[in-house]
Amino acid sequence: MLYYIKKYPVSLAVILTVIYLSFFKPPATELGTIPYLDKVVHICMYFGMSGMLWLEFLRAHRRDHTPIWHAWVGAFVCPVLFSGAVELLQEYCTTYRGGDWLDFAANTTGAVLSSLIAYFVLKPGMMRKSVD
């Protein structure tokens, strides 16, 4: 466990923040009247979570030969599965939140966008620096 805390400290903080935001009772505000703002927030939360996991994976494994599929599992598959679990927990374990397939789709969209950017933009740049 200490290994992951040392290798992924910011990612763990982001995950804890997403957990908090997923289960706290939000106050009623006028922002709720903005159409699809909730979905944009979901995309941003999971874009940030997946992106930070990718960034810290690439940084931590820049010089070793850890297969890139480890990053795909840890920074894409796990956040998507985590998102599904959160939606189910919101539906069945809270009285003030509900699970929503569109929230799950928005979460997955954030993870997909982040993973594509990380793989095609960050990875080549970070791997090139490690060779120099």
N, C-alpha and C. Protein backbone atom coordinates (compact mmCIF):
# COMPACT_ATOMS: atom_id res chain seq x y z
N MET A 1 0.82 -1.20 0.00
CA MET A 1 0.00 0.00 0.00
C MET A 1 0.86 1.26 0.00
N LEU A 2 1.93 1.22 0.77
CA LEU A 2 2.83 2.37 0.84
C LEU A 2 3.44 2.66 -0.53
N TYR A 3 3.66 1.61 -1.33
CA TYR A 3 4.18 1.76 -2.68
C TYR A 3 3.28 2.68 -3.49
N TYR A 4 1.97 2.44 -3.44
CA TYR A 4 1.02 3.23 -4.22
C TYR A 4 0.91 4.66 -3.69
N ILE A 5 1.01 4.82 -2.40
CA ILE A 5 0.97 6.16 -1.83
C ILE A 5 2.17 6.97 -2.30
N LYS A 6 3.34 6.33 -2.37
CA LYS A 6 4.55 7.03 -2.83
C LYS A 6 4.51 7.31 -4.33
N LYS A 7 4.02 6.36 -5.11
CA LYS A 7 4.02 6.50 -6.58
C LYS A 7 2.88 7.36 -7.10
N TYR A 8 1.74 7.37 -6.40
CA TYR A 8 0.54 8.03 -6.90
C TYR A 8 -0.12 8.93 -5.86
N PRO A 9 0.62 9.84 -5.21
CA PRO A 9 0.02 10.64 -4.13
C PRO A 9 -1.08 11.59 -4.61
N VAL A 10 -0.87 12.25 -5.73
CA VAL A 10 -1.87 13.21 -6.21
C VAL A 10 -3.10 12.45 -6.73
N SER A 11 -2.87 11.33 -7.38
CA SER A 11 -3.99 10.52 -7.88
C SER A 11 -4.87 10.06 -6.73
N LEU A 12 -4.26 9.65 -5.64
CA LEU A 12 -5.05 9.22 -4.47
C LEU A 12 -5.86 10.38 -3.90
N ALA A 13 -5.28 11.57 -3.88
CA ALA A 13 -6.02 12.75 -3.41
C ALA A 13 -7.19 13.05 -4.35
N VAL A 14 -6.97 12.93 -5.65
CA VAL A 14 -8.05 13.17 -6.62
C VAL A 14 -9.16 12.13 -6.44
N ILE A 15 -8.78 10.86 -6.26
CA ILE A 15 -9.78 9.80 -6.06
C ILE A 15 -10.60 10.08 -4.81
N LEU A 16 -9.94 10.46 -3.72
CA LEU A 16 -10.68 10.78 -2.49
C LEU A 16 -11.62 11.96 -2.69
N THR A 17 -11.18 12.95 -3.46
CA THR A 17 -12.03 14.10 -3.75
C THR A 17 -13.25 13.69 -4.57
N VAL A 18 -13.03 12.82 -5.56
CA VAL A 18 -14.16 12.35 -6.38
C VAL A 18 -15.14 11.55 -5.52
N ILE A 19 -14.62 10.73 -4.61
CA ILE A 19 -15.50 9.99 -3.70
C ILE A 19 -16.34 10.96 -2.87
N TYR A 20 -15.68 11.96 -2.31
CA TYR A 20 -16.40 12.95 -1.51
C TYR A 20 -17.48 13.64 -2.35
N LEU A 21 -17.11 14.12 -3.52
CA LEU A 21 -18.07 14.84 -4.36
C LEU A 21 -19.21 13.94 -4.83
N SER A 22 -18.95 12.65 -4.92
CA SER A 22 -19.97 11.71 -5.38
C SER A 22 -21.01 11.39 -4.32
N PHE A 23 -20.66 11.59 -3.04
CA PHE A 23 -21.57 11.17 -1.98
C PHE A 23 -22.04 12.27 -1.04
N PHE A 24 -21.49 13.48 -1.15
CA PHE A 24 -21.99 14.52 -0.26
C PHE A 24 -23.33 15.03 -0.78
N LYS A 25 -24.10 15.61 0.13
CA LYS A 25 -25.41 16.14 -0.27
C LYS A 25 -25.22 17.57 -0.77
N PRO A 26 -25.37 17.78 -2.07
CA PRO A 26 -25.11 19.12 -2.60
C PRO A 26 -26.19 20.11 -2.19
N PRO A 27 -25.79 21.35 -1.96
CA PRO A 27 -26.80 22.38 -1.63
C PRO A 27 -27.60 22.76 -2.88
N ALA A 28 -28.79 23.21 -2.68
CA ALA A 28 -29.62 23.67 -3.80
C ALA A 28 -29.14 25.05 -4.22
N THR A 29 -28.79 25.19 -5.49
CA THR A 29 -28.34 26.48 -6.03
C THR A 29 -29.00 26.71 -7.38
N GLU A 30 -28.81 27.88 -7.92
CA GLU A 30 -29.34 28.20 -9.24
C GLU A 30 -28.54 27.52 -10.35
N LEU A 31 -27.35 27.01 -10.02
CA LEU A 31 -26.55 26.31 -11.02
C LEU A 31 -27.26 25.06 -11.54
N GLY A 32 -28.17 24.53 -10.73
CA GLY A 32 -28.93 23.36 -11.14
C GLY A 32 -29.85 23.61 -12.32
N THR A 33 -30.07 24.88 -12.64
CA THR A 33 -30.94 25.20 -13.76
C THR A 33 -30.19 25.22 -15.09
N ILE A 34 -28.86 25.17 -15.06
CA ILE A 34 -28.06 25.16 -16.29
C ILE A 34 -28.12 23.75 -16.89
N PRO A 35 -28.63 23.64 -18.11
CA PRO A 35 -28.78 22.32 -18.71
C PRO A 35 -27.43 21.60 -18.88
N TYR A 36 -27.39 20.35 -18.47
CA TYR A 36 -26.25 19.45 -18.63
C TYR A 36 -24.98 19.88 -17.90
N LEU A 37 -25.07 20.85 -17.02
CA LEU A 37 -23.89 21.23 -16.24
C LEU A 37 -23.38 20.05 -15.42
N ASP A 38 -24.30 19.27 -14.90
CA ASP A 38 -23.95 18.08 -14.12
C ASP A 38 -23.09 17.12 -14.95
N LYS A 39 -23.43 16.94 -16.21
CA LYS A 39 -22.67 16.02 -17.07
C LYS A 39 -21.28 16.57 -17.36
N VAL A 40 -21.17 17.87 -17.54
CA VAL A 40 -19.86 18.50 -17.74
C VAL A 40 -18.98 18.29 -16.50
N VAL A 41 -19.57 18.42 -15.33
CA VAL A 41 -18.83 18.20 -14.08
C VAL A 41 -18.35 16.75 -14.00
N HIS A 42 -19.21 15.81 -14.39
CA HIS A 42 -18.81 14.40 -14.38
C HIS A 42 -17.65 14.15 -15.34
N ILE A 43 -17.74 14.71 -16.54
CA ILE A 43 -16.64 14.56 -17.51
C ILE A 43 -15.35 15.11 -16.92
N CYS A 44 -15.41 16.28 -16.32
CA CYS A 44 -14.21 16.90 -15.74
C CYS A 44 -13.63 16.09 -14.59
N MET A 45 -14.49 15.56 -13.72
CA MET A 45 -13.99 14.78 -12.58
C MET A 45 -13.23 13.54 -13.05
N TYR A 46 -13.79 12.83 -14.00
CA TYR A 46 -13.15 11.59 -14.44
C TYR A 46 -12.03 11.85 -15.44
N PHE A 47 -12.07 12.97 -16.14
CA PHE A 47 -10.94 13.39 -16.96
C PHE A 47 -9.75 13.65 -16.03
N GLY A 48 -10.00 14.36 -14.94
CA GLY A 48 -8.94 14.66 -13.98
C GLY A 48 -8.41 13.42 -13.29
N MET A 49 -9.31 12.52 -12.89
CA MET A 49 -8.87 11.30 -12.21
C MET A 49 -8.02 10.44 -13.15
N SER A 50 -8.54 10.16 -14.31
CA SER A 50 -7.82 9.32 -15.26
C SER A 50 -6.53 9.99 -15.71
N GLY A 51 -6.60 11.28 -15.97
CA GLY A 51 -5.41 12.02 -16.41
C GLY A 51 -4.30 12.01 -15.38
N MET A 52 -4.66 12.20 -14.13
CA MET A 52 -3.63 12.18 -13.08
C MET A 52 -3.04 10.79 -12.91
N LEU A 53 -3.87 9.76 -13.02
CA LEU A 53 -3.35 8.39 -12.95
C LEU A 53 -2.37 8.12 -14.10
N TRP A 54 -2.73 8.55 -15.30
CA TRP A 54 -1.82 8.41 -16.44
C TRP A 54 -0.52 9.17 -16.20
N LEU A 55 -0.65 10.42 -15.79
CA LEU A 55 0.54 11.26 -15.60
C LEU A 55 1.48 10.66 -14.57
N GLU A 56 0.94 10.23 -13.45
CA GLU A 56 1.80 9.66 -12.41
C GLU A 56 2.34 8.30 -12.82
N PHE A 57 1.58 7.51 -13.58
CA PHE A 57 2.12 6.25 -14.09
C PHE A 57 3.29 6.51 -15.01
N LEU A 58 3.10 7.40 -15.97
CA LEU A 58 4.17 7.69 -16.93
C LEU A 58 5.40 8.26 -16.24
N ARG A 59 5.20 9.10 -15.24
CA ARG A 59 6.32 9.66 -14.50
C ARG A 59 7.04 8.58 -13.69
N ALA A 60 6.28 7.73 -13.02
CA ALA A 60 6.87 6.72 -12.15
C ALA A 60 7.56 5.60 -12.92
N HIS A 61 7.12 5.35 -14.13
CA HIS A 61 7.66 4.22 -14.90
C HIS A 61 8.39 4.67 -16.16
N ARG A 62 8.90 5.87 -16.12
CA ARG A 62 9.59 6.44 -17.28
C ARG A 62 10.83 5.64 -17.66
N ARG A 63 11.53 5.12 -16.66
CA ARG A 63 12.81 4.47 -16.94
C ARG A 63 12.78 2.94 -16.87
N ASP A 64 11.67 2.38 -16.45
CA ASP A 64 11.62 0.92 -16.42
C ASP A 64 10.81 0.40 -17.61
N HIS A 65 10.64 -0.85 -17.67
CA HIS A 65 9.97 -1.46 -18.82
C HIS A 65 8.59 -1.99 -18.44
N THR A 66 7.88 -1.28 -17.58
CA THR A 66 6.52 -1.68 -17.22
C THR A 66 5.64 -1.57 -18.46
N PRO A 67 4.91 -2.63 -18.78
CA PRO A 67 4.07 -2.59 -19.99
C PRO A 67 3.00 -1.50 -19.91
N ILE A 68 2.72 -0.89 -21.05
CA ILE A 68 1.76 0.22 -21.08
C ILE A 68 0.34 -0.26 -20.79
N TRP A 69 0.07 -1.56 -20.96
CA TRP A 69 -1.28 -2.03 -20.65
C TRP A 69 -1.58 -1.87 -19.17
N HIS A 70 -0.55 -1.81 -18.32
CA HIS A 70 -0.78 -1.55 -16.89
C HIS A 70 -1.44 -0.18 -16.71
N ALA A 71 -1.00 0.79 -17.50
CA ALA A 71 -1.60 2.13 -17.42
C ALA A 71 -3.04 2.10 -17.93
N TRP A 72 -3.28 1.36 -19.01
CA TRP A 72 -4.65 1.28 -19.54
C TRP A 72 -5.59 0.68 -18.51
N VAL A 73 -5.11 -0.35 -17.80
CA VAL A 73 -5.95 -0.96 -16.77
C VAL A 73 -6.14 -0.01 -15.59
N GLY A 74 -5.04 0.54 -15.09
CA GLY A 74 -5.10 1.38 -13.90
C GLY A 74 -5.67 2.77 -14.11
N ALA A 75 -5.47 3.32 -15.28
CA ALA A 75 -5.90 4.71 -15.51
C ALA A 75 -7.13 4.84 -16.40
N PHE A 76 -7.57 3.73 -16.99
CA PHE A 76 -8.80 3.79 -17.79
C PHE A 76 -9.85 2.79 -17.29
N VAL A 77 -9.52 1.51 -17.27
CA VAL A 77 -10.49 0.49 -16.89
C VAL A 77 -10.95 0.68 -15.44
N CYS A 78 -10.00 0.88 -14.54
CA CYS A 78 -10.36 1.05 -13.11
C CYS A 78 -11.25 2.27 -12.87
N PRO A 79 -10.94 3.45 -13.43
CA PRO A 79 -11.87 4.57 -13.24
C PRO A 79 -13.28 4.32 -13.80
N VAL A 80 -13.36 3.61 -14.93
CA VAL A 80 -14.68 3.31 -15.50
C VAL A 80 -15.45 2.35 -14.59
N LEU A 81 -14.78 1.31 -14.10
CA LEU A 81 -15.43 0.38 -13.17
C LEU A 81 -15.80 1.09 -11.86
N PHE A 82 -14.90 1.94 -11.39
CA PHE A 82 -15.14 2.74 -10.18
C PHE A 82 -16.38 3.60 -10.37
N SER A 83 -16.49 4.20 -11.55
CA SER A 83 -17.65 5.05 -11.86
C SER A 83 -18.94 4.26 -11.79
N GLY A 84 -18.93 3.06 -12.36
CA GLY A 84 -20.12 2.21 -12.30
C GLY A 84 -20.49 1.85 -10.88
N ALA A 85 -19.48 1.53 -10.07
CA ALA A 85 -19.73 1.20 -8.66
C ALA A 85 -20.32 2.39 -7.91
N VAL A 86 -19.78 3.58 -8.17
CA VAL A 86 -20.28 4.80 -7.52
C VAL A 86 -21.75 5.03 -7.89
N GLU A 87 -22.08 4.88 -9.16
CA GLU A 87 -23.47 5.09 -9.59
C GLU A 87 -24.41 4.09 -8.93
N LEU A 88 -23.97 2.83 -8.82
CA LEU A 88 -24.80 1.83 -8.13
C LEU A 88 -24.95 2.15 -6.65
N LEU A 89 -23.86 2.56 -6.01
CA LEU A 89 -23.93 2.93 -4.59
C LEU A 89 -24.82 4.15 -4.37
N GLN A 90 -24.76 5.11 -5.28
CA GLN A 90 -25.64 6.28 -5.15
C GLN A 90 -27.10 5.87 -5.25
N GLU A 91 -27.38 4.94 -6.14
CA GLU A 91 -28.77 4.51 -6.34
C GLU A 91 -29.29 3.70 -5.16
N TYR A 92 -28.49 2.77 -4.67
CA TYR A 92 -29.00 1.80 -3.69
C TYR A 92 -28.58 2.06 -2.24
N CYS A 93 -27.65 2.97 -2.02
CA CYS A 93 -27.16 3.18 -0.64
C CYS A 93 -27.36 4.60 -0.14
N THR A 94 -27.94 5.48 -0.93
CA THR A 94 -28.22 6.83 -0.46
C THR A 94 -29.69 7.15 -0.72
N THR A 95 -30.20 8.09 0.04
CA THR A 95 -31.58 8.53 -0.18
C THR A 95 -31.61 9.87 -0.91
N TYR A 96 -30.48 10.52 -1.03
CA TYR A 96 -30.44 11.87 -1.61
C TYR A 96 -29.71 11.92 -2.95
N ARG A 97 -29.16 10.80 -3.41
CA ARG A 97 -28.50 10.72 -4.72
C ARG A 97 -29.10 9.55 -5.47
N GLY A 98 -29.00 9.59 -6.78
CA GLY A 98 -29.51 8.49 -7.59
C GLY A 98 -28.50 8.11 -8.65
N GLY A 99 -28.45 6.84 -8.97
CA GLY A 99 -27.59 6.39 -10.06
C GLY A 99 -28.18 6.82 -11.39
N ASP A 100 -27.33 7.12 -12.34
CA ASP A 100 -27.80 7.63 -13.62
C ASP A 100 -26.89 7.10 -14.73
N TRP A 101 -27.49 6.47 -15.73
CA TRP A 101 -26.71 5.96 -16.85
C TRP A 101 -25.99 7.08 -17.59
N LEU A 102 -26.60 8.25 -17.68
CA LEU A 102 -25.95 9.37 -18.36
C LEU A 102 -24.75 9.88 -17.58
N ASP A 103 -24.83 9.80 -16.24
CA ASP A 103 -23.65 10.15 -15.43
C ASP A 103 -22.53 9.16 -15.71
N PHE A 104 -22.86 7.87 -15.77
CA PHE A 104 -21.87 6.85 -16.08
C PHE A 104 -21.26 7.10 -17.46
N ALA A 105 -22.08 7.46 -18.43
CA ALA A 105 -21.58 7.76 -19.78
C ALA A 105 -20.66 8.99 -19.76
N ALA A 106 -21.02 10.00 -18.99
CA ALA A 106 -20.18 11.20 -18.89
C ALA A 106 -18.86 10.86 -18.21
N ASN A 107 -18.90 10.05 -17.16
CA ASN A 107 -17.68 9.64 -16.48
C ASN A 107 -16.76 8.88 -17.44
N THR A 108 -17.35 7.97 -18.19
CA THR A 108 -16.58 7.18 -19.15
C THR A 108 -16.00 8.08 -20.24
N THR A 109 -16.77 9.06 -20.67
CA THR A 109 -16.28 10.01 -21.67
C THR A 109 -15.05 10.76 -21.17
N GLY A 110 -15.09 11.19 -19.91
CA GLY A 110 -13.93 11.87 -19.32
C GLY A 110 -12.70 10.98 -19.29
N ALA A 111 -12.88 9.70 -18.92
CA ALA A 111 -11.77 8.76 -18.87
C ALA A 111 -11.24 8.46 -20.26
N VAL A 112 -12.13 8.34 -21.24
CA VAL A 112 -11.71 8.09 -22.62
C VAL A 112 -10.89 9.26 -23.15
N LEU A 113 -11.41 10.47 -23.00
CA LEU A 113 -10.70 11.66 -23.49
C LEU A 113 -9.33 11.79 -22.85
N SER A 114 -9.28 11.62 -21.56
CA SER A 114 -8.02 11.73 -20.84
C SER A 114 -7.03 10.65 -21.28
N SER A 115 -7.50 9.44 -21.44
CA SER A 115 -6.63 8.34 -21.84
C SER A 115 -6.08 8.54 -23.24
N LEU A 116 -6.91 9.02 -24.14
CA LEU A 116 -6.43 9.27 -25.50
C LEU A 116 -5.37 10.37 -25.53
N ILE A 117 -5.61 11.44 -24.78
CA ILE A 117 -4.62 12.51 -24.71
C ILE A 117 -3.33 12.01 -24.07
N ALA A 118 -3.45 11.27 -23.00
CA ALA A 118 -2.26 10.75 -22.31
C ALA A 118 -1.46 9.82 -23.21
N TYR A 119 -2.14 8.93 -23.89
CA TYR A 119 -1.45 7.93 -24.70
C TYR A 119 -0.81 8.55 -25.94
N PHE A 120 -1.53 9.45 -26.61
CA PHE A 120 -1.03 9.98 -27.87
C PHE A 120 -0.24 11.28 -27.74
N VAL A 121 -0.39 12.00 -26.63
CA VAL A 121 0.32 13.27 -26.46
C VAL A 121 1.36 13.20 -25.34
N LEU A 122 0.93 12.82 -24.13
CA LEU A 122 1.86 12.81 -22.99
C LEU A 122 2.90 11.70 -23.09
N LYS A 123 2.46 10.51 -23.41
CA LYS A 123 3.37 9.36 -23.43
C LYS A 123 4.55 9.57 -24.38
N PRO A 124 4.32 9.96 -25.62
CA PRO A 124 5.48 10.15 -26.51
C PRO A 124 6.46 11.22 -25.99
N GLY A 125 5.93 12.30 -25.45
CA GLY A 125 6.79 13.36 -24.93
C GLY A 125 7.57 12.94 -23.70
N MET A 126 6.93 12.21 -22.80
CA MET A 126 7.60 11.79 -21.56
C MET A 126 8.60 10.67 -21.84
N MET A 127 8.29 9.79 -22.75
CA MET A 127 9.22 8.70 -23.06
C MET A 127 10.43 9.23 -23.81
N ARG A 128 10.24 10.26 -24.61
CA ARG A 128 11.37 10.86 -25.34
C ARG A 128 12.33 11.52 -24.36
N LYS A 129 11.80 12.15 -23.30
CA LYS A 129 12.65 12.80 -22.31
C LYS A 129 13.49 11.78 -21.55
N SER A 130 12.96 10.58 -21.32
CA SER A 130 13.70 9.59 -20.55
C SER A 130 14.88 9.03 -21.33
N VAL A 131 14.81 9.08 -22.66
CA VAL A 131 15.91 8.57 -23.49
C VAL A 131 17.04 9.58 -23.54
N ASP A 132 16.68 10.88 -23.51
CA ASP A 132 17.70 11.94 -23.59
C ASP A 132 18.65 11.94 -22.43
